């Protein structure tokens, strides 16, 4: 074997989109921390959501081993990936190198994170406000993406974290936009999921919106719908969501007409 050949491919838009999908749709991941007494790696299962820029968010108990580890050493790693039939190594996954940062519950970001986390993990409503629980943001430094056999990439922070400059209006409108779409346009999320993403039928809802796309959920399933182009304002968002719904309905009509 020629070990001088670098198996890592140049990062491109396709690899960035794959990384985005893996991260934005993950509901669980493997968190690697360091035991302060021994320095030995410690891996635990955590529930996940993402902040609006794609930063992974975890909800932790003060009683958990990994919480104490992160308090002593902020360095950590997070593995998320897709599963399916056949060889597990044939499915895409990404390992992120991160530094943990506690989130102030009462801050604007803290309130947004709580809402977005519960939209992705509704069963956490039972314990999210317990006094010994809190949110930690896993601030990404770099990533190692494996898209399957022979598809390895090294991604930097800017490949993984969304630049939110100029998008303050959309971010401020996210909560009301998600609530409005789910309450008054309940069929839209299902159209997005079933017609545009070819996912199984179900009671899909919007769980989050950001300048680059929207997140969808249906029971244990989650999905990512990228926008064709960036949205920065509330007006941009309304036009985008309407256009996607029109495209989805047009696709439905096209599929029926060809049956």
Protein backbone atom coordinates (compact mmCIF):
# COMPACT_ATOMS: atom_id res chain seq x y z
CA UNK A 1 0.00 0.00 0.00
CA UNK A 2 1.28 3.46 -0.93
CA UNK A 3 0.94 5.43 2.31
CA UNK A 4 2.27 8.60 0.67
CA UNK A 5 -1.05 9.08 -1.16
CA UNK A 6 -3.36 11.40 0.75
CA UNK A 7 -6.85 9.79 0.77
CA UNK A 8 -8.51 13.08 1.73
CA UNK A 9 -10.45 14.83 -1.03
CA UNK A 10 -10.69 18.60 -1.54
CA UNK A 11 -13.69 20.13 0.22
CA UNK A 12 -16.47 21.11 -2.20
CA UNK A 13 -20.10 22.20 -2.03
CA UNK A 14 -21.32 18.61 -2.07
CA UNK A 15 -19.26 17.68 1.00
CA UNK A 16 -20.38 20.84 2.80
CA UNK A 17 -24.04 19.99 2.09
CA UNK A 18 -23.54 16.45 3.36
CA UNK A 19 -21.94 17.73 6.57
CA UNK A 20 -24.79 20.20 7.00
CA UNK A 21 -27.40 17.47 6.59
CA UNK A 22 -25.69 15.12 9.03
CA UNK A 23 -25.41 17.79 11.68
CA UNK A 24 -28.78 19.47 11.22
CA UNK A 25 -30.74 16.20 11.24
CA UNK A 26 -28.93 14.40 14.08
CA UNK A 27 -31.07 13.69 17.14
CA UNK A 28 -28.30 11.86 19.00
CA UNK A 29 -24.55 11.62 18.90
CA UNK A 30 -21.50 10.16 20.62
CA UNK A 31 -19.73 12.73 22.77
CA UNK A 32 -16.06 12.19 23.57
CA UNK A 33 -14.65 13.91 26.68
CA UNK A 34 -11.48 13.54 28.76
CA UNK A 35 -11.46 12.15 32.29
CA UNK A 36 -9.64 14.76 34.39
CA UNK A 37 -8.15 12.14 36.73
CA UNK A 38 -6.60 9.95 34.02
CA UNK A 39 -6.84 11.87 30.74
CA UNK A 40 -8.52 8.78 29.31
CA UNK A 41 -11.15 9.30 26.59
CA UNK A 42 -14.75 8.82 27.75
CA UNK A 43 -17.61 8.46 25.25
CA UNK A 44 -21.28 8.92 26.07
CA UNK A 45 -24.56 9.14 24.19
CA UNK A 46 -26.19 12.58 24.09
CA UNK A 47 -29.36 14.07 22.63
CA UNK A 48 -28.71 16.81 20.09
CA UNK A 49 -30.16 19.88 18.47
CA UNK A 50 -28.49 22.80 16.71
CA UNK A 51 -28.47 26.54 17.21
CA UNK A 52 -29.43 28.67 14.25
CA UNK A 53 -25.85 28.73 12.90
CA UNK A 54 -25.50 24.94 13.12
CA UNK A 55 -23.62 24.80 16.41
CA UNK A 56 -24.49 21.51 18.18
CA UNK A 57 -26.38 21.89 21.45
CA UNK A 58 -26.65 19.34 24.25
CA UNK A 59 -28.77 19.36 27.41
CA UNK A 60 -26.78 17.96 30.33
CA UNK A 61 -27.31 17.03 33.95
CA UNK A 62 -24.81 18.10 36.57
CA UNK A 63 -24.79 14.45 37.67
CA UNK A 64 -23.47 13.19 34.32
CA UNK A 65 -19.82 12.21 34.00
CA UNK A 66 -19.38 14.15 30.79
CA UNK A 67 -20.61 17.36 32.43
CA UNK A 68 -17.84 17.20 35.00
CA UNK A 69 -15.31 16.34 32.34
CA UNK A 70 -16.27 19.38 30.25
CA UNK A 71 -16.08 21.65 33.29
CA UNK A 72 -12.48 20.55 33.78
CA UNK A 73 -11.46 20.50 30.10
CA UNK A 74 -13.61 22.09 27.39
CA UNK A 75 -12.06 20.01 24.62
CA UNK A 76 -14.39 17.36 23.22
CA UNK A 77 -15.44 15.59 20.07
CA UNK A 78 -18.81 14.68 18.65
CA UNK A 79 -19.63 11.87 16.21
CA UNK A 80 -22.89 11.87 14.27
CA UNK A 81 -23.84 9.76 11.30
CA UNK A 82 -26.51 7.99 9.31
CA UNK A 83 -27.40 4.34 9.76
CA UNK A 84 -28.94 1.87 7.37
CA UNK A 85 -28.75 -1.60 5.92
CA UNK A 86 -25.50 -3.32 5.09
CA UNK A 87 -22.00 -2.41 6.16
CA UNK A 88 -22.18 0.41 8.74
CA UNK A 89 -18.94 1.86 7.37
CA UNK A 90 -20.62 2.49 4.03
CA UNK A 91 -22.84 5.18 5.55
CA UNK A 92 -21.77 8.83 6.00
CA UNK A 93 -20.62 10.22 9.35
CA UNK A 94 -18.72 13.20 10.67
CA UNK A 95 -16.49 13.71 13.70
CA UNK A 96 -16.32 17.25 15.04
CA UNK A 97 -13.58 18.71 17.20
CA UNK A 98 -15.24 21.17 19.58
CA UNK A 99 -14.88 23.22 22.74
CA UNK A 100 -17.78 23.23 25.17
CA UNK A 101 -19.37 26.49 26.34
CA UNK A 102 -22.15 26.74 28.93
CA UNK A 103 -25.20 28.70 27.76
CA UNK A 104 -26.93 31.25 29.99
CA UNK A 105 -30.54 30.06 30.17
CA UNK A 106 -31.96 33.58 30.51
CA UNK A 107 -29.99 35.12 27.65
CA UNK A 108 -31.51 35.70 24.23
CA UNK A 109 -29.44 32.83 22.89
CA UNK A 110 -30.40 30.61 25.81
CA UNK A 111 -34.11 31.13 25.23
CA UNK A 112 -33.69 30.45 21.50
CA UNK A 113 -31.68 27.30 22.16
CA UNK A 114 -34.29 26.00 24.61
CA UNK A 115 -37.02 26.47 22.00
CA UNK A 116 -35.01 24.88 19.19
CA UNK A 117 -33.89 21.97 21.37
CA UNK A 118 -37.45 21.14 22.44
CA UNK A 119 -38.64 21.35 18.84
CA UNK A 120 -36.11 18.62 18.00
CA UNK A 121 -36.42 16.74 21.33
CA UNK A 122 -40.00 17.28 22.58
CA UNK A 123 -39.76 14.59 25.28
CA UNK A 124 -37.08 16.67 27.01
CA UNK A 125 -39.93 18.97 28.11
CA UNK A 126 -40.24 16.65 31.12
CA UNK A 127 -36.88 17.67 32.59
CA UNK A 128 -35.48 20.62 30.64
CA UNK A 129 -36.19 23.09 33.47
CA UNK A 130 -34.88 20.96 36.33
CA UNK A 131 -32.36 23.09 38.26
CA UNK A 132 -29.51 20.61 37.72
CA UNK A 133 -29.90 20.64 33.93
CA UNK A 134 -28.38 23.13 31.54
CA UNK A 135 -27.45 23.67 27.91
CA UNK A 136 -23.94 23.42 26.52
CA UNK A 137 -22.94 24.64 23.06
CA UNK A 138 -20.27 22.58 21.33
CA UNK A 139 -18.37 25.28 19.48
CA UNK A 140 -16.96 23.65 16.36
CA UNK A 141 -13.28 24.05 15.48
CA UNK A 142 -12.97 21.55 12.60
CA UNK A 143 -14.46 18.34 11.27
CA UNK A 144 -13.52 15.03 9.68
CA UNK A 145 -16.20 13.91 7.22
CA UNK A 146 -16.45 10.40 5.82
CA UNK A 147 -19.09 10.15 3.12
CA UNK A 148 -18.57 6.41 2.63
CA UNK A 149 -15.72 4.34 1.25
CA UNK A 150 -13.08 6.55 -0.39
CA UNK A 151 -14.88 9.80 0.47
CA UNK A 152 -12.93 11.54 3.22
CA UNK A 153 -12.77 15.29 3.79
CA UNK A 154 -11.21 17.67 6.31
CA UNK A 155 -13.52 20.59 6.98
CA UNK A 156 -12.76 23.84 8.78
CA UNK A 157 -15.07 25.80 11.04
CA UNK A 158 -16.19 28.07 8.19
CA UNK A 159 -17.31 24.98 6.23
CA UNK A 160 -19.53 23.85 9.11
CA UNK A 161 -20.85 26.94 10.90
CA UNK A 162 -23.23 29.27 9.10
CA UNK A 163 -22.25 32.92 8.75
CA UNK A 164 -25.20 34.86 10.19
CA UNK A 165 -24.03 38.33 9.19
CA UNK A 166 -26.87 40.40 7.77
CA UNK A 167 -29.53 37.91 8.88
CA UNK A 168 -30.67 39.49 12.15
CA UNK A 169 -34.18 40.12 10.84
CA UNK A 170 -34.71 36.51 9.79
CA UNK A 171 -33.33 35.18 13.08
CA UNK A 172 -35.66 37.47 15.03
CA UNK A 173 -38.60 36.24 12.92
CA UNK A 174 -37.79 32.53 13.20
CA UNK A 175 -39.95 31.70 16.21
CA UNK A 176 -43.09 33.37 14.85
CA UNK A 177 -42.46 31.99 11.34
CA UNK A 178 -42.19 28.41 12.60
CA UNK A 179 -45.32 28.80 14.75
CA UNK A 180 -47.27 30.41 11.90
CA UNK A 181 -46.30 27.76 9.36
CA UNK A 182 -47.18 24.87 11.68
CA UNK A 183 -50.47 26.42 12.83
CA UNK A 184 -51.79 27.97 9.61
CA UNK A 185 -50.00 26.07 6.84
CA UNK A 186 -49.80 22.62 8.35
CA UNK A 187 -49.54 20.88 5.00
CA UNK A 188 -46.44 22.80 3.91
CA UNK A 189 -43.91 20.81 5.96
CA UNK A 190 -45.37 17.53 4.70
CA UNK A 191 -45.17 18.81 1.14
CA UNK A 192 -41.53 19.77 1.65
CA UNK A 193 -40.66 16.39 3.18
CA UNK A 194 -42.70 14.08 0.96
CA UNK A 195 -42.48 15.83 -2.41
CA UNK A 196 -39.17 17.65 -2.37
CA UNK A 197 -37.14 15.29 -0.17
CA UNK A 198 -38.96 12.04 -1.06
CA UNK A 199 -39.41 11.07 2.58
CA UNK A 200 -42.15 8.84 4.07
CA UNK A 201 -45.59 10.37 4.58
CA UNK A 202 -46.40 11.58 8.07
CA UNK A 203 -47.28 14.56 10.25
CA UNK A 204 -44.22 16.60 9.42
CA UNK A 205 -43.66 19.97 11.10
CA UNK A 206 -41.10 22.74 10.86
CA UNK A 207 -38.70 22.61 13.81
CA UNK A 208 -36.28 25.39 12.86
CA UNK A 209 -35.39 27.96 10.22
CA UNK A 210 -32.10 29.65 9.37
CA UNK A 211 -30.76 31.62 6.39
CA UNK A 212 -29.62 28.45 4.59
CA UNK A 213 -32.62 26.17 5.05
CA UNK A 214 -35.26 24.73 7.34
CA UNK A 215 -35.37 21.70 9.61
CA UNK A 216 -38.29 19.27 9.63
CA UNK A 217 -39.46 16.68 12.12
CA UNK A 218 -41.94 13.79 12.24
CA UNK A 219 -41.77 11.56 15.30
CA UNK A 220 -38.30 10.00 15.34
CA UNK A 221 -37.53 11.25 11.82
CA UNK A 222 -35.81 14.53 11.05
CA UNK A 223 -34.82 16.14 7.77
CA UNK A 224 -33.05 19.15 6.31
CA UNK A 225 -34.39 21.17 3.37
CA UNK A 226 -31.70 23.51 2.00
CA UNK A 227 -32.86 26.76 0.44
CA UNK A 228 -31.93 27.36 -3.21
CA UNK A 229 -30.32 30.61 -2.08
CA UNK A 230 -29.71 32.46 1.17
CA UNK A 231 -32.58 34.23 2.94
CA UNK A 232 -31.76 37.15 5.21
CA UNK A 233 -35.02 39.01 5.90
CA UNK A 234 -38.56 38.09 6.89
CA UNK A 235 -39.67 38.99 3.37
CA UNK A 236 -37.01 36.71 1.90
CA UNK A 237 -38.25 33.91 4.12
CA UNK A 238 -41.91 34.31 3.19
CA UNK A 239 -41.06 34.25 -0.49
CA UNK A 240 -38.80 31.23 -0.04
CA UNK A 241 -41.32 29.14 1.88
CA UNK A 242 -44.05 30.03 -0.59
CA UNK A 243 -41.85 29.19 -3.58
CA UNK A 244 -40.90 25.82 -2.10
CA UNK A 245 -44.56 24.98 -1.45
CA UNK A 246 -45.43 25.88 -5.05
CA UNK A 247 -42.56 23.71 -6.29
CA UNK A 248 -43.72 20.83 -4.11
CA UNK A 249 -47.30 21.07 -5.36
CA UNK A 250 -46.09 21.30 -8.96
CA UNK A 251 -44.02 18.18 -8.40
CA UNK A 252 -47.11 16.41 -7.02
CA UNK A 253 -49.15 17.38 -10.07
CA UNK A 254 -46.32 16.25 -12.36
CA UNK A 255 -46.04 12.88 -10.65
CA UNK A 256 -49.81 12.30 -10.83
CA UNK A 257 -49.94 13.25 -14.51
CA UNK A 258 -47.27 10.70 -15.40
CA UNK A 259 -48.82 7.78 -13.44
